[in-house]
Amino acid sequence: MSRSLRILAACAVAAAAFAFVAPAQAFVLGAYHIMPTPAYKAKLLKEGVPPPAGPVNYYGGSVFTSSKVVSVMWGSGVNSTIVSTIPGFSAAIVNSTYVDQMSQYNTKGVHAINGHKSTKQIISRGTYLGQIVINPKNKNTTLQDSDVQAEIEHQIKKGVLPPRDLNTLYMVYFPQNVTIELDGLTSCVDFGAYHFATVDTTLSKKNIFYAVEPDCGGSIGNITFAASHEFAEATTDNVPTPGSFPDFPQAWNDANGFEIGDLCGTSGQLSDGTNHWTVTQYFLNSTMHCSTGNYTSP
């Protein structure tokens, strides 16, 4: 495989043959971590891939101490419901009890399981930097992950997107007619979202952290479920897993390389008192179970 990526399938695919709701288990196949569509799940089961299991361990990598989320709309063709919903959702999730529970994944005072030195970070609530509709230089409707990276870098260089730093997460939302391919896997056929870093071999001050959120034709609840999954995992493991054998520069993973969202498939609700959004639950080492209940902002 040309690169290491981790993927979450968490949206409903439009075609009935592939329709699904976020499942409760993820699987490993090579360097990929996915929640598959039924057809792809059947293939994985034939490979004998293992399901995830806690606890999650610390491997010496970095977390977001105070995330700064930018929602990026890939052109003017993104579904209007996504465009109107994501700003409120994003502003709420970064400043909520959803983040508060992640403090158990601080790295300060924690010894890495592999003997690597700690980054000595504390996870706290973040900020929402706003939503930006970009005019993509790349007009193709079929994109590789490298195309997405190049576009983010281009838009940062132009000053359209805010500059990168070690707490900024660019969450990119796409029109329904845009397909993203990952070394032979296809959005909305094999996967529904993923997060990644442009540098996945070390901790680098030049890194760009991003999440890819295709529109698979499902409900807005599927979109926010997938987005919350990627936000939780990027916060606690912003240089994601390069395979089934976790090690530095990863942060928090289980022994098979799964992150905190991979271990849970149930949903909860995030509310700012007026609006409500569907979010994924995530694994808590403190209870050895998935988080339960709902979340509030601020």
Protein backbone atom coordinates (compact mmCIF):
# COMPACT_ATOMS: atom_id res chain seq x y z
CA MET A 1 0.00 0.00 0.00
CA SER A 2 1.24 3.48 -0.85
CA ARG A 3 0.30 5.07 2.48
CA SER A 4 -1.25 4.35 5.85
CA LEU A 5 -4.76 5.58 6.46
CA ARG A 6 -7.51 4.90 8.91
CA ILE A 7 -11.06 4.94 7.77
CA LEU A 8 -14.50 4.93 9.34
CA ALA A 9 -17.60 3.92 7.41
CA ALA A 10 -20.34 5.77 9.26
CA CYS A 11 -22.84 7.11 6.70
CA ALA A 12 -25.71 5.42 4.90
CA VAL A 13 -25.00 4.58 1.29
CA ALA A 14 -27.68 5.71 -1.12
CA ALA A 15 -27.92 2.51 -3.13
CA ALA A 16 -30.10 -0.03 -1.38
CA ALA A 17 -27.57 -2.79 -1.93
CA PHE A 18 -25.10 -0.94 0.27
CA ALA A 19 -27.43 0.80 2.73
CA PHE A 20 -26.22 0.68 6.30
CA VAL A 21 -26.20 2.52 9.61
CA ALA A 22 -23.01 2.96 11.60
CA PRO A 23 -22.23 -0.56 12.84
CA ALA A 24 -20.95 -1.50 16.27
CA GLN A 25 -17.66 -3.02 15.22
CA ALA A 26 -14.70 -2.03 13.11
CA PHE A 27 -12.20 -4.36 11.48
CA VAL A 28 -8.59 -4.31 10.35
CA LEU A 29 -7.38 -5.24 6.90
CA GLY A 30 -3.73 -4.41 6.27
CA ALA A 31 -3.18 -0.74 6.99
CA TYR A 32 -6.90 0.09 6.94
CA HIS A 33 -9.29 0.48 9.88
CA ILE A 34 -12.85 0.61 8.65
CA MET A 35 -16.48 0.08 9.50
CA PRO A 36 -17.43 -1.58 6.23
CA THR A 37 -20.52 -1.75 4.11
CA PRO A 38 -22.15 -5.18 4.19
CA ALA A 39 -20.37 -6.36 1.02
CA TYR A 40 -16.99 -5.21 2.24
CA LYS A 41 -17.65 -6.55 5.73
CA ALA A 42 -18.25 -9.99 4.23
CA LYS A 43 -14.88 -9.79 2.52
CA LEU A 44 -13.17 -8.81 5.76
CA LEU A 45 -14.79 -11.63 7.69
CA LYS A 46 -13.37 -14.09 5.17
CA GLU A 47 -9.94 -12.64 5.97
CA GLY A 48 -10.48 -13.42 9.66
CA VAL A 49 -9.88 -9.84 10.74
CA PRO A 50 -10.21 -9.22 14.52
CA PRO A 51 -12.74 -6.86 16.12
CA PRO A 52 -11.48 -4.03 18.34
CA ALA A 53 -11.14 -4.44 22.09
CA GLY A 54 -10.08 -2.11 24.91
CA PRO A 55 -8.29 -0.80 26.76
CA VAL A 56 -6.56 1.82 24.67
CA ASN A 57 -2.87 2.36 25.38
CA TYR A 58 -0.61 5.37 25.03
CA TYR A 59 2.18 5.08 22.45
CA GLY A 60 3.91 8.46 22.84
CA GLY A 61 2.10 10.46 20.18
CA SER A 62 0.34 13.82 20.32
CA VAL A 63 -3.22 14.91 21.09
CA PHE A 64 -5.04 18.21 20.62
CA THR A 65 -4.71 20.32 23.75
CA SER A 66 -7.36 22.78 22.54
CA SER A 67 -8.71 21.89 19.12
CA LYS A 68 -9.39 24.57 16.54
CA VAL A 69 -11.90 23.23 14.04
CA VAL A 70 -12.44 24.67 10.57
CA SER A 71 -15.35 23.31 8.54
CA VAL A 72 -14.45 23.35 4.86
CA MET A 73 -17.11 23.06 2.17
CA TRP A 74 -15.66 21.63 -1.06
CA GLY A 75 -17.21 24.11 -3.48
CA SER A 76 -20.74 25.45 -3.81
CA GLY A 77 -22.34 22.06 -4.45
CA VAL A 78 -22.37 20.72 -0.89
CA ASN A 79 -25.86 19.79 0.30
CA SER A 80 -27.59 22.85 1.79
CA THR A 81 -28.57 20.94 4.94
CA ILE A 82 -24.93 20.09 5.60
CA VAL A 83 -23.91 23.69 4.92
CA SER A 84 -26.48 25.07 7.36
CA THR A 85 -26.08 22.42 10.07
CA ILE A 86 -22.32 21.98 10.40
CA PRO A 87 -21.43 25.44 11.83
CA GLY A 88 -23.71 25.06 14.86
CA PHE A 89 -22.70 21.45 15.34
CA SER A 90 -18.98 22.26 15.11
CA ALA A 91 -19.20 25.21 17.50
CA ALA A 92 -21.05 23.05 20.00
CA ILE A 93 -18.90 19.92 19.92
CA VAL A 94 -15.57 21.66 20.52
CA ASN A 95 -17.01 23.41 23.61
CA SER A 96 -18.94 20.64 25.30
CA THR A 97 -19.01 17.83 27.81
CA TYR A 98 -18.20 15.60 24.83
CA VAL A 99 -14.65 16.94 25.04
CA ASP A 100 -14.53 16.98 28.84
CA GLN A 101 -14.59 13.17 29.05
CA MET A 102 -11.56 12.99 26.76
CA SER A 103 -9.40 14.44 29.54
CA GLN A 104 -8.70 10.89 30.67
CA TYR A 105 -6.58 10.69 27.53
CA ASN A 106 -4.24 13.47 28.62
CA THR A 107 -0.61 12.54 28.02
CA LYS A 108 0.87 14.55 30.88
CA GLY A 109 2.03 12.20 33.62
CA VAL A 110 1.41 9.14 31.43
CA HIS A 111 4.12 6.64 30.51
CA ALA A 112 3.94 5.28 26.98
CA ILE A 113 3.51 1.52 26.75
CA ASN A 114 6.43 1.33 24.29
CA GLY A 115 8.79 3.33 26.50
CA HIS A 116 8.57 6.45 24.34
CA LYS A 117 8.63 9.80 26.14
CA SER A 118 5.30 11.55 26.68
CA THR A 119 4.18 14.74 24.94
CA LYS A 120 2.92 15.97 28.37
CA GLN A 121 -0.33 17.40 27.02
CA ILE A 122 -3.71 18.10 28.61
CA ILE A 123 -6.89 17.92 26.53
CA SER A 124 -9.28 20.82 27.07
CA ARG A 125 -12.18 22.39 25.21
CA GLY A 126 -11.46 23.98 21.87
CA THR A 127 -12.77 26.66 19.53
CA TYR A 128 -14.58 26.77 16.21
CA LEU A 129 -12.81 28.98 13.67
CA GLY A 130 -15.74 29.06 11.29
CA GLN A 131 -16.90 27.65 7.97
CA ILE A 132 -15.27 28.36 4.62
CA VAL A 133 -16.54 27.49 1.17
CA ILE A 134 -13.50 26.96 -1.02
CA ASN A 135 -13.36 27.19 -4.80
CA PRO A 136 -11.33 24.03 -5.41
CA LYS A 137 -8.45 24.28 -7.83
CA ASN A 138 -9.05 20.59 -8.52
CA LYS A 139 -12.40 20.33 -10.33
CA ASN A 140 -12.42 16.53 -10.65
CA THR A 141 -15.33 14.61 -9.17
CA THR A 142 -13.12 11.60 -8.40
CA LEU A 143 -10.31 12.45 -5.99
CA GLN A 144 -7.43 10.62 -4.39
CA ASP A 145 -6.48 11.41 -0.81
CA SER A 146 -3.35 13.08 -2.17
CA ASP A 147 -5.65 15.45 -4.11
CA VAL A 148 -7.44 16.39 -0.91
CA GLN A 149 -4.14 17.07 0.84
CA ALA A 150 -2.87 19.16 -2.05
CA GLU A 151 -6.07 21.22 -2.12
CA ILE A 152 -5.94 21.95 1.61
CA GLU A 153 -2.30 23.00 1.31
CA HIS A 154 -3.14 25.18 -1.72
CA GLN A 155 -6.02 26.92 0.08
CA ILE A 156 -3.86 27.56 3.15
CA LYS A 157 -1.10 29.03 0.97
CA LYS A 158 -3.63 31.30 -0.76
CA GLY A 159 -4.89 32.51 2.63
CA VAL A 160 -8.39 31.15 2.06
CA LEU A 161 -8.02 28.68 4.94
CA PRO A 162 -6.47 29.72 8.25
CA PRO A 163 -2.86 28.68 8.79
CA ARG A 164 -2.05 25.22 10.10
CA ASP A 165 -0.82 24.58 13.60
CA LEU A 166 -0.71 21.61 15.96
CA ASN A 167 -4.29 22.12 17.19
CA THR A 168 -6.06 22.94 13.92
CA LEU A 169 -8.33 20.33 12.33
CA TYR A 170 -9.70 20.97 8.84
CA MET A 171 -12.96 19.01 8.50
CA VAL A 172 -13.79 18.80 4.79
CA TYR A 173 -17.34 18.16 3.53
CA PHE A 174 -18.05 17.21 -0.09
CA PRO A 175 -20.87 17.36 -2.64
CA GLN A 176 -22.66 14.08 -3.17
CA ASN A 177 -21.23 13.72 -6.69
CA VAL A 178 -17.62 13.77 -5.45
CA THR A 179 -15.96 10.40 -4.84
CA ILE A 180 -12.78 9.90 -2.82
CA GLU A 181 -10.59 6.88 -3.52
CA LEU A 182 -8.07 5.41 -1.09
CA ASP A 183 -5.78 2.85 -2.67
CA GLY A 184 -8.65 0.94 -4.23
CA LEU A 185 -11.34 1.68 -1.62
CA THR A 186 -14.16 4.03 -2.57
CA SER A 187 -16.14 6.49 -0.49
CA CYS A 188 -19.75 5.48 0.17
CA VAL A 189 -19.05 1.99 -1.19
CA ASP A 190 -16.32 0.86 1.21
CA PHE A 191 -16.04 3.75 3.71
CA GLY A 192 -17.81 6.88 4.88
CA ALA A 193 -15.18 9.12 6.49
CA TYR A 194 -11.61 9.22 7.79
CA HIS A 195 -9.09 11.49 9.47
CA PHE A 196 -5.41 11.71 8.71
CA ALA A 197 -2.25 13.79 8.94
CA THR A 198 -0.04 14.88 6.06
CA VAL A 199 3.00 13.59 7.99
CA ASP A 200 2.36 10.15 9.50
CA THR A 201 5.87 9.01 10.38
CA THR A 202 6.85 11.49 13.09
CA LEU A 203 5.60 14.44 15.14
CA SER A 204 6.13 17.44 12.88
CA LYS A 205 5.42 21.14 13.39
CA LYS A 206 4.57 21.25 9.68
CA ASN A 207 1.77 18.70 9.97
CA ILE A 208 -1.72 19.34 8.66
CA PHE A 209 -4.57 17.46 10.35
CA TYR A 210 -7.77 16.91 8.40
CA ALA A 211 -10.92 14.82 8.17
CA VAL A 212 -12.75 13.78 5.00
CA GLU A 213 -16.55 13.65 5.19
CA PRO A 214 -18.19 12.42 1.94
CA ASP A 215 -21.91 12.90 1.39
CA CYS A 216 -23.30 9.40 0.95
CA GLY A 217 -26.89 10.49 0.57
CA GLY A 218 -27.94 9.65 4.12
CA SER A 219 -29.45 11.82 6.82
CA ILE A 220 -27.71 14.73 8.50
CA GLY A 221 -27.50 12.49 11.56
CA ASN A 222 -25.19 10.17 9.64
CA ILE A 223 -22.97 13.13 8.75
CA THR A 224 -22.71 14.42 12.33
CA PHE A 225 -22.19 10.87 13.63
CA ALA A 226 -19.24 10.41 11.27
CA ALA A 227 -17.88 13.89 11.96
CA SER A 228 -18.02 13.41 15.74
CA HIS A 229 -16.24 10.07 15.36
CA GLU A 230 -13.41 11.66 13.43
CA PHE A 231 -13.25 14.64 15.79
CA ALA A 232 -12.95 12.38 18.85
CA GLU A 233 -10.25 10.25 17.27
CA ALA A 234 -8.29 13.18 15.85
CA THR A 235 -8.34 14.81 19.29
CA THR A 236 -6.90 11.75 21.02
CA ASP A 237 -4.73 10.40 18.18
CA ASN A 238 -4.01 13.11 15.64
CA VAL A 239 -1.33 11.12 13.78
CA PRO A 240 -3.47 8.06 13.10
CA THR A 241 -2.74 4.39 13.09
CA PRO A 242 -0.51 3.05 10.30
CA GLY A 243 -1.63 -0.56 10.58
CA SER A 244 -2.46 -3.27 13.06
CA PHE A 245 0.68 -2.89 15.18
CA PRO A 246 0.39 0.45 16.99
CA ASP A 247 3.51 2.40 17.88
CA PHE A 248 4.83 5.96 17.95
CA PRO A 249 3.84 8.50 16.56
CA GLN A 250 0.38 7.25 17.45
CA ALA A 251 -1.17 8.40 20.71
CA TRP A 252 -4.13 6.38 22.06
CA ASN A 253 -4.95 3.02 20.40
CA ASP A 254 -5.86 -0.46 21.51
CA ALA A 255 -3.46 -3.35 20.95
CA ASN A 256 -4.73 -3.85 17.38
CA GLY A 257 -4.42 -0.17 16.50
CA PHE A 258 -8.06 0.89 16.90
CA GLU A 259 -8.92 4.36 18.20
CA ILE A 260 -11.54 5.37 20.76
CA GLY A 261 -14.37 5.75 18.22
CA ASP A 262 -13.65 2.39 16.58
CA LEU A 263 -14.47 0.63 19.83
CA CYS A 264 -18.03 1.99 19.95
CA GLY A 265 -20.87 2.14 17.45
CA THR A 266 -23.72 3.49 19.56
CA SER A 267 -24.93 7.07 19.36
CA GLY A 268 -25.81 9.85 21.76
CA GLN A 269 -27.08 13.37 21.41
CA LEU A 270 -25.26 16.69 21.65
CA SER A 271 -27.35 19.74 22.54
CA ASP A 272 -26.70 23.46 22.89
CA GLY A 273 -30.09 23.94 24.56
CA THR A 274 -31.86 24.71 21.30
CA ASN A 275 -30.39 22.41 18.68
CA HIS A 276 -29.65 18.69 18.86
CA TRP A 277 -27.18 16.60 16.87
CA THR A 278 -26.41 12.88 16.67
CA VAL A 279 -22.88 11.97 17.82
CA THR A 280 -20.98 8.75 18.30
CA GLN A 281 -20.13 7.39 21.72
CA TYR A 282 -16.47 6.59 22.34
CA PHE A 283 -14.48 4.22 24.51
CA LEU A 284 -13.54 5.21 28.06
CA ASN A 285 -10.62 3.51 29.77
CA SER A 286 -12.03 4.61 33.12
CA THR A 287 -15.05 2.33 32.77
CA MET A 288 -13.83 -0.09 30.08
CA HIS A 289 -17.08 0.65 28.27
CA CYS A 290 -18.40 3.10 25.73
CA SER A 291 -19.52 6.51 26.91
CA THR A 292 -23.27 6.71 27.46
CA GLY A 293 -25.91 9.39 27.61
CA ASN A 294 -26.02 12.79 26.01
CA TYR A 295 -23.75 15.84 25.93
CA THR A 296 -24.27 19.56 26.44
CA SER A 297 -22.65 22.76 25.20
CA PRO A 298 -21.34 24.98 26.61
